[in-house]
Amino acid sequence: MVDVDPTAAAIEAFEAELQSASLQADRAIQKAVRDAAETLKAQLPPRADWSALAQTVFTPGFWLPTCPRPDLLARVYDDSIGDHMLSNTLQHARNDIAYINPPTGLSTVGFNAFVVAVLRQVRWIRELDQMTTQGLTDQTAIETIERGLPEHHDFSADHLWAVTKDWLIHFFPGEYERVPAGEMLRKRRIAL
């Protein structure tokens, strides 16, 4: 919890984003969330402060991954990466982990599950995912991301889509396939 100016434009945008993605909770949801929070609080050590490591400031309504090596993200999280990553890529990994904000002490499997849970909640990931049902070309994805990019963002839409596509394939194995014609990402069809 931090003190903020409640009339700041960033806070209003954050609240609008929360409202657009919110559902009405009933007593069962309230109890389930409370029970899960109490269980997690009792089992997990305090969170690491990844925000001190992050250099890129993310806007409240926009985030897509920036680390081009999702396969090494868990090793950055548990600090076992050593010298296996370029410093620029390492900083992008730390930025992404700062946004994801996982609890301390997760196993690789637990960390990856936490990342998947966060990705399923990110508005821009959800929007791109919905578009993959019919097939999402690189060009359409890039145009979609460009429309959402805030001013003065540090990354190109091309880069963000290339990284996001790699994250979707890595963290959701078997759910997507690359289609060479026009370089398309498409949801896999499941045979019944």
N, C-alpha and C. Protein backbone atom coordinates (compact mmCIF):
# COMPACT_ATOMS: atom_id res chain seq x y z
N MET A 1 0.84 -1.18 0.00
CA MET A 1 0.00 0.00 0.00
C MET A 1 0.88 1.24 0.00
N VAL A 2 0.56 2.16 -0.87
CA VAL A 2 1.30 3.42 -0.96
C VAL A 2 0.32 4.57 -1.03
N ASP A 3 0.77 5.74 -0.57
CA ASP A 3 -0.06 6.93 -0.67
C ASP A 3 -0.02 7.44 -2.10
N VAL A 4 -1.18 7.71 -2.68
CA VAL A 4 -1.26 8.26 -4.03
C VAL A 4 -2.28 9.38 -4.05
N ASP A 5 -2.17 10.22 -5.06
CA ASP A 5 -3.16 11.28 -5.27
C ASP A 5 -4.36 10.63 -5.96
N PRO A 6 -5.51 10.53 -5.31
CA PRO A 6 -6.65 9.84 -5.90
C PRO A 6 -7.21 10.53 -7.14
N THR A 7 -6.82 11.76 -7.39
CA THR A 7 -7.31 12.45 -8.58
C THR A 7 -6.34 12.37 -9.74
N ALA A 8 -5.20 11.69 -9.56
CA ALA A 8 -4.21 11.57 -10.64
C ALA A 8 -4.80 10.78 -11.81
N ALA A 9 -4.44 11.18 -13.01
CA ALA A 9 -4.96 10.52 -14.22
C ALA A 9 -4.59 9.04 -14.24
N ALA A 10 -3.40 8.69 -13.78
CA ALA A 10 -2.97 7.29 -13.78
C ALA A 10 -3.85 6.46 -12.85
N ILE A 11 -4.25 7.02 -11.72
CA ILE A 11 -5.11 6.30 -10.78
C ILE A 11 -6.50 6.12 -11.37
N GLU A 12 -7.00 7.16 -12.01
CA GLU A 12 -8.32 7.05 -12.65
C GLU A 12 -8.30 6.01 -13.76
N ALA A 13 -7.22 5.96 -14.54
CA ALA A 13 -7.10 4.96 -15.61
C ALA A 13 -7.02 3.55 -15.01
N PHE A 14 -6.28 3.41 -13.91
CA PHE A 14 -6.17 2.13 -13.23
C PHE A 14 -7.55 1.67 -12.74
N GLU A 15 -8.30 2.58 -12.12
CA GLU A 15 -9.63 2.22 -11.63
C GLU A 15 -10.57 1.85 -12.77
N ALA A 16 -10.46 2.57 -13.89
CA ALA A 16 -11.30 2.25 -15.05
C ALA A 16 -10.96 0.86 -15.58
N GLU A 17 -9.66 0.53 -15.62
CA GLU A 17 -9.23 -0.80 -16.06
C GLU A 17 -9.78 -1.88 -15.13
N LEU A 18 -9.70 -1.64 -13.83
CA LEU A 18 -10.24 -2.61 -12.86
C LEU A 18 -11.74 -2.81 -13.05
N GLN A 19 -12.46 -1.72 -13.23
CA GLN A 19 -13.91 -1.81 -13.40
C GLN A 19 -14.28 -2.58 -14.65
N SER A 20 -13.52 -2.37 -15.74
CA SER A 20 -13.86 -3.03 -17.00
C SER A 20 -13.61 -4.54 -16.95
N ALA A 21 -12.73 -4.98 -16.05
CA ALA A 21 -12.41 -6.41 -15.97
C ALA A 21 -13.00 -7.08 -14.74
N SER A 22 -13.89 -6.39 -14.02
CA SER A 22 -14.41 -6.91 -12.75
C SER A 22 -15.70 -7.69 -12.95
N LEU A 23 -15.92 -8.62 -12.03
CA LEU A 23 -17.16 -9.37 -11.97
C LEU A 23 -17.81 -9.11 -10.60
N GLN A 24 -19.11 -9.27 -10.52
CA GLN A 24 -19.80 -9.14 -9.25
C GLN A 24 -19.51 -10.38 -8.41
N ALA A 25 -18.94 -10.19 -7.23
CA ALA A 25 -18.63 -11.32 -6.35
C ALA A 25 -19.83 -11.67 -5.48
N ASP A 26 -20.01 -12.96 -5.28
CA ASP A 26 -21.04 -13.39 -4.34
C ASP A 26 -20.34 -13.92 -3.08
N ARG A 27 -21.09 -14.40 -2.11
CA ARG A 27 -20.51 -14.86 -0.85
C ARG A 27 -19.54 -16.02 -1.05
N ALA A 28 -19.85 -16.91 -1.98
CA ALA A 28 -18.98 -18.07 -2.23
C ALA A 28 -17.62 -17.62 -2.75
N ILE A 29 -17.62 -16.65 -3.69
CA ILE A 29 -16.36 -16.12 -4.22
C ILE A 29 -15.60 -15.40 -3.12
N GLN A 30 -16.31 -14.61 -2.33
CA GLN A 30 -15.67 -13.88 -1.24
C GLN A 30 -14.98 -14.84 -0.27
N LYS A 31 -15.65 -15.90 0.10
CA LYS A 31 -15.08 -16.87 1.04
C LYS A 31 -13.90 -17.60 0.40
N ALA A 32 -14.02 -17.99 -0.86
CA ALA A 32 -12.94 -18.70 -1.53
C ALA A 32 -11.68 -17.84 -1.63
N VAL A 33 -11.84 -16.58 -1.95
CA VAL A 33 -10.69 -15.66 -2.04
C VAL A 33 -10.07 -15.46 -0.66
N ARG A 34 -10.90 -15.25 0.35
CA ARG A 34 -10.38 -15.06 1.71
C ARG A 34 -9.63 -16.30 2.18
N ASP A 35 -10.21 -17.49 1.95
CA ASP A 35 -9.55 -18.73 2.38
C ASP A 35 -8.23 -18.94 1.64
N ALA A 36 -8.22 -18.67 0.34
CA ALA A 36 -6.99 -18.83 -0.43
C ALA A 36 -5.92 -17.86 0.03
N ALA A 37 -6.31 -16.63 0.31
CA ALA A 37 -5.35 -15.62 0.78
C ALA A 37 -4.77 -16.01 2.13
N GLU A 38 -5.60 -16.50 3.02
CA GLU A 38 -5.11 -16.91 4.34
C GLU A 38 -4.16 -18.10 4.23
N THR A 39 -4.49 -19.04 3.36
CA THR A 39 -3.62 -20.20 3.17
C THR A 39 -2.27 -19.78 2.60
N LEU A 40 -2.30 -18.94 1.58
CA LEU A 40 -1.05 -18.47 0.97
C LEU A 40 -0.21 -17.67 1.96
N LYS A 41 -0.86 -16.81 2.70
CA LYS A 41 -0.14 -15.97 3.67
C LYS A 41 0.57 -16.83 4.71
N ALA A 42 -0.07 -17.90 5.13
CA ALA A 42 0.52 -18.77 6.14
C ALA A 42 1.67 -19.60 5.60
N GLN A 43 1.67 -19.88 4.29
CA GLN A 43 2.66 -20.79 3.72
C GLN A 43 3.85 -20.11 3.07
N LEU A 44 3.69 -18.89 2.61
CA LEU A 44 4.73 -18.27 1.81
C LEU A 44 5.51 -17.22 2.59
N PRO A 45 6.82 -17.13 2.30
CA PRO A 45 7.61 -16.05 2.90
C PRO A 45 7.21 -14.72 2.25
N PRO A 46 7.66 -13.59 2.80
CA PRO A 46 7.31 -12.30 2.21
C PRO A 46 7.81 -12.19 0.77
N ARG A 47 7.14 -11.37 -0.01
CA ARG A 47 7.53 -11.15 -1.40
C ARG A 47 8.86 -10.41 -1.49
N ALA A 48 9.62 -10.75 -2.54
CA ALA A 48 10.83 -9.99 -2.83
C ALA A 48 10.39 -8.67 -3.45
N ASP A 49 11.20 -7.65 -3.31
CA ASP A 49 10.85 -6.35 -3.89
C ASP A 49 11.49 -6.22 -5.26
N TRP A 50 10.80 -6.77 -6.27
CA TRP A 50 11.31 -6.71 -7.64
C TRP A 50 11.24 -5.30 -8.19
N SER A 51 10.37 -4.46 -7.65
CA SER A 51 10.20 -3.11 -8.20
C SER A 51 11.49 -2.31 -8.13
N ALA A 52 12.35 -2.62 -7.16
CA ALA A 52 13.63 -1.91 -7.06
C ALA A 52 14.54 -2.24 -8.24
N LEU A 53 14.33 -3.41 -8.86
CA LEU A 53 15.17 -3.84 -9.97
C LEU A 53 14.63 -3.36 -11.32
N ALA A 54 13.35 -3.02 -11.37
CA ALA A 54 12.72 -2.65 -12.63
C ALA A 54 13.11 -1.24 -13.04
N GLN A 55 13.43 -1.07 -14.32
CA GLN A 55 13.79 0.24 -14.82
C GLN A 55 12.71 0.83 -15.73
N THR A 56 11.94 -0.03 -16.37
CA THR A 56 10.89 0.45 -17.26
C THR A 56 9.63 0.69 -16.44
N VAL A 57 9.02 1.84 -16.61
CA VAL A 57 7.77 2.12 -15.90
C VAL A 57 6.62 1.69 -16.79
N PHE A 58 5.78 0.82 -16.27
CA PHE A 58 4.63 0.36 -17.02
C PHE A 58 3.45 1.24 -16.68
N THR A 59 2.63 1.53 -17.67
CA THR A 59 1.45 2.33 -17.40
C THR A 59 0.40 1.42 -16.76
N PRO A 60 -0.52 1.98 -15.99
CA PRO A 60 -1.51 1.14 -15.32
C PRO A 60 -2.36 0.30 -16.27
N GLY A 61 -2.63 0.79 -17.46
CA GLY A 61 -3.52 0.06 -18.37
C GLY A 61 -2.83 -0.71 -19.46
N PHE A 62 -1.50 -0.78 -19.44
CA PHE A 62 -0.82 -1.48 -20.53
C PHE A 62 0.40 -2.22 -20.03
N TRP A 63 0.46 -3.50 -20.34
CA TRP A 63 1.67 -4.29 -20.14
C TRP A 63 1.63 -5.47 -21.08
N LEU A 64 2.74 -5.70 -21.73
CA LEU A 64 3.01 -6.93 -22.45
C LEU A 64 4.43 -7.32 -22.09
N PRO A 65 4.77 -8.61 -22.16
CA PRO A 65 6.12 -9.03 -21.79
C PRO A 65 7.18 -8.44 -22.71
N THR A 66 8.38 -8.24 -22.17
CA THR A 66 9.48 -7.66 -22.94
C THR A 66 10.70 -8.58 -23.01
N CYS A 67 10.77 -9.59 -22.15
CA CYS A 67 11.92 -10.50 -22.13
C CYS A 67 11.78 -11.53 -23.25
N PRO A 68 12.72 -11.57 -24.20
CA PRO A 68 12.60 -12.50 -25.31
C PRO A 68 12.96 -13.95 -24.95
N ARG A 69 13.28 -14.21 -23.70
CA ARG A 69 13.63 -15.58 -23.28
C ARG A 69 12.72 -16.07 -22.17
N PRO A 70 11.46 -16.36 -22.47
CA PRO A 70 10.56 -16.83 -21.42
C PRO A 70 11.04 -18.14 -20.80
N ASP A 71 11.82 -18.91 -21.55
CA ASP A 71 12.34 -20.18 -21.04
C ASP A 71 13.35 -19.99 -19.91
N LEU A 72 13.91 -18.79 -19.77
CA LEU A 72 14.89 -18.51 -18.72
C LEU A 72 14.33 -17.65 -17.59
N LEU A 73 13.08 -17.26 -17.69
CA LEU A 73 12.48 -16.34 -16.71
C LEU A 73 12.52 -16.92 -15.29
N ALA A 74 12.21 -18.19 -15.14
CA ALA A 74 12.22 -18.80 -13.80
C ALA A 74 13.62 -18.78 -13.20
N ARG A 75 14.64 -18.88 -14.03
CA ARG A 75 16.03 -18.85 -13.53
C ARG A 75 16.43 -17.45 -13.10
N VAL A 76 15.84 -16.43 -13.69
CA VAL A 76 16.07 -15.06 -13.21
C VAL A 76 15.36 -14.89 -11.88
N TYR A 77 14.14 -15.39 -11.80
CA TYR A 77 13.34 -15.31 -10.57
C TYR A 77 14.07 -15.95 -9.39
N ASP A 78 14.61 -17.17 -9.58
CA ASP A 78 15.26 -17.86 -8.45
C ASP A 78 16.75 -17.55 -8.34
N ASP A 79 17.22 -16.62 -9.18
CA ASP A 79 18.60 -16.14 -9.15
C ASP A 79 19.62 -17.23 -9.45
N SER A 80 19.25 -18.18 -10.33
CA SER A 80 20.19 -19.21 -10.74
C SER A 80 20.67 -19.00 -12.17
N ILE A 81 20.39 -17.83 -12.75
CA ILE A 81 20.70 -17.57 -14.15
C ILE A 81 22.19 -17.43 -14.41
N GLY A 82 22.95 -16.95 -13.45
CA GLY A 82 24.39 -16.76 -13.64
C GLY A 82 24.67 -15.83 -14.79
N ASP A 83 25.59 -16.22 -15.66
CA ASP A 83 25.98 -15.41 -16.82
C ASP A 83 25.35 -15.90 -18.12
N HIS A 84 24.22 -16.58 -18.04
CA HIS A 84 23.60 -17.17 -19.22
C HIS A 84 22.66 -16.23 -19.97
N MET A 85 22.68 -14.95 -19.63
CA MET A 85 21.75 -14.02 -20.26
C MET A 85 22.44 -12.67 -20.45
N LEU A 86 22.23 -12.06 -21.60
CA LEU A 86 22.77 -10.73 -21.84
C LEU A 86 22.15 -9.74 -20.86
N SER A 87 22.90 -8.71 -20.51
CA SER A 87 22.42 -7.77 -19.48
C SER A 87 21.12 -7.08 -19.87
N ASN A 88 20.95 -6.75 -21.14
CA ASN A 88 19.72 -6.11 -21.60
C ASN A 88 18.53 -7.05 -21.44
N THR A 89 18.72 -8.30 -21.83
CA THR A 89 17.66 -9.30 -21.70
C THR A 89 17.36 -9.57 -20.23
N LEU A 90 18.41 -9.59 -19.40
CA LEU A 90 18.24 -9.78 -17.96
C LEU A 90 17.38 -8.65 -17.38
N GLN A 91 17.63 -7.41 -17.82
CA GLN A 91 16.84 -6.29 -17.31
C GLN A 91 15.38 -6.42 -17.74
N HIS A 92 15.15 -6.87 -18.98
CA HIS A 92 13.77 -7.08 -19.44
C HIS A 92 13.09 -8.17 -18.61
N ALA A 93 13.84 -9.23 -18.29
CA ALA A 93 13.27 -10.30 -17.45
C ALA A 93 12.90 -9.75 -16.08
N ARG A 94 13.77 -8.95 -15.51
CA ARG A 94 13.47 -8.37 -14.19
C ARG A 94 12.27 -7.44 -14.26
N ASN A 95 12.15 -6.68 -15.34
CA ASN A 95 10.98 -5.81 -15.51
C ASN A 95 9.70 -6.63 -15.55
N ASP A 96 9.73 -7.72 -16.31
CA ASP A 96 8.54 -8.56 -16.42
C ASP A 96 8.20 -9.21 -15.08
N ILE A 97 9.21 -9.68 -14.37
CA ILE A 97 8.97 -10.27 -13.06
C ILE A 97 8.42 -9.22 -12.10
N ALA A 98 8.92 -7.99 -12.20
CA ALA A 98 8.41 -6.91 -11.34
C ALA A 98 6.92 -6.69 -11.60
N TYR A 99 6.51 -6.74 -12.87
CA TYR A 99 5.09 -6.58 -13.18
C TYR A 99 4.29 -7.78 -12.66
N ILE A 100 4.79 -8.97 -12.90
CA ILE A 100 4.08 -10.20 -12.50
C ILE A 100 4.01 -10.30 -10.98
N ASN A 101 5.07 -9.87 -10.29
CA ASN A 101 5.12 -9.78 -8.83
C ASN A 101 4.81 -11.11 -8.13
N PRO A 102 5.61 -12.15 -8.42
CA PRO A 102 5.35 -13.45 -7.78
C PRO A 102 5.82 -13.46 -6.33
N PRO A 103 5.23 -14.32 -5.52
CA PRO A 103 5.72 -14.47 -4.16
C PRO A 103 7.10 -15.13 -4.17
N THR A 104 7.84 -14.94 -3.11
CA THR A 104 9.15 -15.54 -2.97
C THR A 104 9.04 -17.03 -2.71
N GLY A 105 10.01 -17.79 -3.19
CA GLY A 105 10.12 -19.19 -2.82
C GLY A 105 9.35 -20.18 -3.66
N LEU A 106 8.83 -19.77 -4.80
CA LEU A 106 8.10 -20.72 -5.64
C LEU A 106 9.09 -21.64 -6.36
N SER A 107 8.68 -22.88 -6.58
CA SER A 107 9.45 -23.78 -7.43
C SER A 107 9.30 -23.30 -8.87
N THR A 108 10.05 -23.89 -9.78
CA THR A 108 9.91 -23.53 -11.20
C THR A 108 8.49 -23.79 -11.68
N VAL A 109 7.94 -24.93 -11.29
CA VAL A 109 6.56 -25.26 -11.69
C VAL A 109 5.58 -24.24 -11.10
N GLY A 110 5.77 -23.91 -9.83
CA GLY A 110 4.91 -22.92 -9.18
C GLY A 110 5.04 -21.55 -9.80
N PHE A 111 6.28 -21.15 -10.12
CA PHE A 111 6.51 -19.86 -10.76
C PHE A 111 5.81 -19.82 -12.11
N ASN A 112 5.98 -20.87 -12.92
CA ASN A 112 5.35 -20.89 -14.24
C ASN A 112 3.83 -20.86 -14.12
N ALA A 113 3.27 -21.56 -13.13
CA ALA A 113 1.82 -21.52 -12.92
C ALA A 113 1.37 -20.12 -12.53
N PHE A 114 2.17 -19.44 -11.72
CA PHE A 114 1.84 -18.07 -11.32
C PHE A 114 1.86 -17.15 -12.54
N VAL A 115 2.87 -17.30 -13.40
CA VAL A 115 2.96 -16.49 -14.63
C VAL A 115 1.74 -16.74 -15.50
N VAL A 116 1.35 -18.00 -15.66
CA VAL A 116 0.18 -18.33 -16.47
C VAL A 116 -1.08 -17.65 -15.91
N ALA A 117 -1.23 -17.68 -14.59
CA ALA A 117 -2.40 -17.05 -13.97
C ALA A 117 -2.42 -15.55 -14.23
N VAL A 118 -1.26 -14.91 -14.15
CA VAL A 118 -1.19 -13.47 -14.41
C VAL A 118 -1.48 -13.19 -15.88
N LEU A 119 -0.88 -13.97 -16.78
CA LEU A 119 -1.09 -13.75 -18.22
C LEU A 119 -2.57 -13.87 -18.58
N ARG A 120 -3.26 -14.79 -17.97
CA ARG A 120 -4.70 -14.96 -18.27
C ARG A 120 -5.52 -13.75 -17.83
N GLN A 121 -4.96 -12.90 -16.97
CA GLN A 121 -5.68 -11.73 -16.48
C GLN A 121 -5.31 -10.43 -17.18
N VAL A 122 -4.24 -10.44 -17.96
CA VAL A 122 -3.77 -9.21 -18.62
C VAL A 122 -4.67 -8.92 -19.80
N ARG A 123 -5.24 -7.73 -19.81
CA ARG A 123 -6.22 -7.34 -20.84
C ARG A 123 -5.68 -7.56 -22.25
N TRP A 124 -4.47 -7.12 -22.52
CA TRP A 124 -3.94 -7.20 -23.88
C TRP A 124 -3.63 -8.63 -24.29
N ILE A 125 -3.23 -9.47 -23.35
CA ILE A 125 -3.02 -10.89 -23.65
C ILE A 125 -4.37 -11.53 -23.97
N ARG A 126 -5.39 -11.22 -23.18
CA ARG A 126 -6.72 -11.78 -23.43
C ARG A 126 -7.24 -11.37 -24.81
N GLU A 127 -7.05 -10.10 -25.15
CA GLU A 127 -7.54 -9.62 -26.45
C GLU A 127 -6.83 -10.34 -27.60
N LEU A 128 -5.51 -10.45 -27.50
CA LEU A 128 -4.75 -11.15 -28.55
C LEU A 128 -5.14 -12.62 -28.60
N ASP A 129 -5.33 -13.23 -27.45
CA ASP A 129 -5.72 -14.64 -27.38
C ASP A 129 -7.05 -14.87 -28.09
N GLN A 130 -8.02 -13.99 -27.87
CA GLN A 130 -9.32 -14.13 -28.53
C GLN A 130 -9.18 -14.07 -30.05
N MET A 131 -8.24 -13.27 -30.51
CA MET A 131 -8.04 -13.12 -31.95
C MET A 131 -7.39 -14.35 -32.57
N THR A 132 -6.70 -15.16 -31.75
CA THR A 132 -6.03 -16.35 -32.31
C THR A 132 -7.00 -17.46 -32.66
N THR A 133 -8.24 -17.37 -32.20
CA THR A 133 -9.22 -18.40 -32.50
C THR A 133 -9.42 -18.54 -34.01
N GLN A 134 -9.46 -17.41 -34.70
CA GLN A 134 -9.61 -17.42 -36.16
C GLN A 134 -8.27 -17.34 -36.87
N GLY A 135 -7.21 -17.17 -36.12
CA GLY A 135 -5.88 -17.00 -36.71
C GLY A 135 -5.49 -15.54 -36.63
N LEU A 136 -4.36 -15.27 -36.02
CA LEU A 136 -3.90 -13.90 -35.81
C LEU A 136 -2.60 -13.71 -36.58
N THR A 137 -2.65 -12.89 -37.62
CA THR A 137 -1.43 -12.63 -38.38
C THR A 137 -0.54 -11.67 -37.60
N ASP A 138 0.74 -11.70 -37.92
CA ASP A 138 1.66 -10.78 -37.27
C ASP A 138 1.22 -9.34 -37.48
N GLN A 139 0.82 -9.02 -38.71
CA GLN A 139 0.45 -7.64 -39.02
C GLN A 139 -0.74 -7.18 -38.18
N THR A 140 -1.76 -8.01 -38.07
CA THR A 140 -2.94 -7.65 -37.27
C THR A 140 -2.57 -7.49 -35.80
N ALA A 141 -1.75 -8.39 -35.29
CA ALA A 141 -1.32 -8.30 -33.88
C ALA A 141 -0.55 -7.02 -33.64
N ILE A 142 0.36 -6.69 -34.53
CA ILE A 142 1.17 -5.48 -34.39
C ILE A 142 0.29 -4.24 -34.42
N GLU A 143 -0.67 -4.20 -35.32
CA GLU A 143 -1.59 -3.06 -35.40
C GLU A 143 -2.43 -2.95 -34.12
N THR A 144 -2.87 -4.07 -33.59
CA THR A 144 -3.65 -4.07 -32.34
C THR A 144 -2.81 -3.52 -31.19
N ILE A 145 -1.58 -3.97 -31.10
CA ILE A 145 -0.69 -3.50 -30.03
C ILE A 145 -0.38 -2.02 -30.21
N GLU A 146 -0.13 -1.59 -31.44
CA GLU A 146 0.17 -0.17 -31.69
C GLU A 146 -0.96 0.73 -31.22
N ARG A 147 -2.21 0.29 -31.43
CA ARG A 147 -3.35 1.09 -30.98
C ARG A 147 -3.39 1.23 -29.46
N GLY A 148 -2.87 0.25 -28.74
CA GLY A 148 -2.92 0.29 -27.28
C GLY A 148 -1.70 0.87 -26.62
N LEU A 149 -0.60 1.02 -27.37
CA LEU A 149 0.64 1.50 -26.76
C LEU A 149 0.47 2.92 -26.21
N PRO A 150 0.87 3.13 -24.97
CA PRO A 150 0.83 4.48 -24.42
C PRO A 150 1.95 5.32 -25.04
N GLU A 151 1.81 6.63 -24.94
CA GLU A 151 2.86 7.51 -25.43
C GLU A 151 4.14 7.26 -24.67
N HIS A 152 5.26 7.47 -25.34
CA HIS A 152 6.59 7.38 -24.73
C HIS A 152 6.89 5.98 -24.19
N HIS A 153 6.31 4.97 -24.79
CA HIS A 153 6.63 3.61 -24.39
C HIS A 153 7.99 3.25 -24.97
N ASP A 154 8.73 2.38 -24.29
CA ASP A 154 10.10 2.07 -24.67
C ASP A 154 10.22 1.03 -25.78
N PHE A 155 9.14 0.40 -26.21
CA PHE A 155 9.23 -0.73 -27.11
C PHE A 155 8.38 -0.55 -28.35
N SER A 156 8.82 -1.20 -29.44
CA SER A 156 8.03 -1.17 -30.67
C SER A 156 6.96 -2.25 -30.59
N ALA A 157 5.89 -2.06 -31.30
CA ALA A 157 4.82 -3.05 -31.34
C ALA A 157 5.32 -4.35 -31.95
N ASP A 158 6.23 -4.27 -32.93
CA ASP A 158 6.80 -5.47 -33.54
C ASP A 158 7.51 -6.32 -32.49
N HIS A 159 8.34 -5.65 -31.67
CA HIS A 159 9.08 -6.36 -30.63
C HIS A 159 8.13 -6.96 -29.60
N LEU A 160 7.16 -6.18 -29.16
CA LEU A 160 6.22 -6.67 -28.15
C LEU A 160 5.43 -7.88 -28.66
N TRP A 161 5.04 -7.87 -29.93
CA TRP A 161 4.30 -9.02 -30.46
C TRP A 161 5.21 -10.23 -30.57
N ALA A 162 6.43 -10.07 -31.05
CA ALA A 162 7.35 -11.21 -31.17
C ALA A 162 7.57 -11.86 -29.80
N VAL A 163 7.78 -11.04 -28.78
CA VAL A 163 7.99 -11.56 -27.43
C VAL A 163 6.71 -12.19 -26.89
N THR A 164 5.59 -11.51 -27.04
CA THR A 164 4.32 -12.04 -26.53
C THR A 164 4.00 -13.38 -27.18
N LYS A 165 4.22 -13.49 -28.47
CA LYS A 165 3.97 -14.75 -29.18
C LYS A 165 4.83 -15.87 -28.59
N ASP A 166 6.11 -15.58 -28.32
CA ASP A 166 6.99 -16.58 -27.72
C ASP A 166 6.51 -16.98 -26.31
N TRP A 167 6.03 -15.99 -25.54
CA TRP A 167 5.51 -16.28 -24.19
C TRP A 167 4.26 -17.16 -24.28
N LEU A 168 3.36 -16.86 -25.19
CA LEU A 168 2.14 -17.65 -25.33
C LEU A 168 2.48 -19.10 -25.67
N ILE A 169 3.42 -19.30 -26.58
CA ILE A 169 3.81 -20.65 -26.98
C ILE A 169 4.53 -21.35 -25.83
N HIS A 170 5.37 -20.62 -25.08
CA HIS A 170 6.12 -21.23 -23.98
C HIS A 170 5.22 -21.56 -22.77
N PHE A 171 4.43 -20.60 -22.33
CA PHE A 171 3.66 -20.80 -21.10
C PHE A 171 2.34 -21.54 -21.31
N PHE A 172 1.90 -21.65 -22.55
CA PHE A 172 0.67 -22.39 -22.86
C PHE A 172 0.99 -23.46 -23.90
N PRO A 173 1.85 -24.42 -23.55
CA PRO A 173 2.26 -25.42 -24.55
C PRO A 173 1.05 -26.22 -25.04
N GLY A 174 0.99 -26.40 -26.33
CA GLY A 174 -0.10 -27.17 -26.92
C GLY A 174 -1.34 -26.36 -27.24
N GLU A 175 -1.42 -25.12 -26.75
CA GLU A 175 -2.62 -24.31 -27.02
C GLU A 175 -2.54 -23.53 -28.32
N TYR A 176 -1.34 -23.27 -28.80
CA TYR A 176 -1.16 -22.45 -29.99
C TYR A 176 -0.28 -23.18 -31.00
N GLU A 177 -0.44 -22.78 -32.25
CA GLU A 177 0.45 -23.28 -33.29
C GLU A 177 0.80 -22.13 -34.22
N ARG A 178 2.02 -22.17 -34.72
CA ARG A 178 2.45 -21.18 -35.70
C ARG A 178 2.08 -21.71 -37.08
N VAL A 179 1.46 -20.86 -37.88
CA VAL A 179 1.07 -21.21 -39.24
C VAL A 179 1.94 -20.38 -40.16
N PRO A 180 2.79 -21.02 -40.97
CA PRO A 180 3.76 -20.27 -41.78
C PRO A 180 3.13 -19.28 -42.76
N ALA A 181 1.96 -19.57 -43.31
CA ALA A 181 1.35 -18.67 -44.30
C ALA A 181 1.01 -17.34 -43.63
N GLY A 182 1.76 -16.31 -43.94
CA GLY A 182 1.52 -14.99 -43.37
C GLY A 182 1.96 -14.89 -41.93
N GLU A 183 2.70 -15.88 -41.45
CA GLU A 183 3.12 -15.98 -40.05
C GLU A 183 1.96 -15.66 -39.13
N MET A 184 1.23 -16.69 -38.81
CA MET A 184 0.01 -16.56 -38.03
C MET A 184 0.12 -17.40 -36.76
N LEU A 185 -0.46 -16.91 -35.68
CA LEU A 185 -0.59 -17.68 -34.46
C LEU A 185 -2.05 -18.05 -34.34
N ARG A 186 -2.31 -19.33 -34.11
CA ARG A 186 -3.69 -19.80 -34.10
C ARG A 186 -3.87 -20.77 -32.93
N LYS A 187 -5.05 -20.71 -32.33
CA LYS A 187 -5.41 -21.69 -31.31
C LYS A 187 -5.44 -23.06 -31.98
N ARG A 188 -4.90 -24.07 -31.29
CA ARG A 188 -4.95 -25.43 -31.81
C ARG A 188 -6.38 -25.91 -31.74
N ARG A 189 -6.75 -26.68 -32.72
CA ARG A 189 -8.07 -27.29 -32.72
C ARG A 189 -7.96 -28.65 -32.05
N ILE A 190 -8.86 -28.94 -31.16
CA ILE A 190 -8.83 -30.18 -30.42
C ILE A 190 -9.80 -31.14 -31.08
N ALA A 191 -9.27 -32.35 -31.42
CA ALA A 191 -10.12 -33.36 -32.05
C ALA A 191 -11.04 -33.97 -31.00
N LEU A 192 -12.29 -34.13 -31.35
CA LEU A 192 -13.27 -34.72 -30.42
C LEU A 192 -13.41 -36.21 -30.68
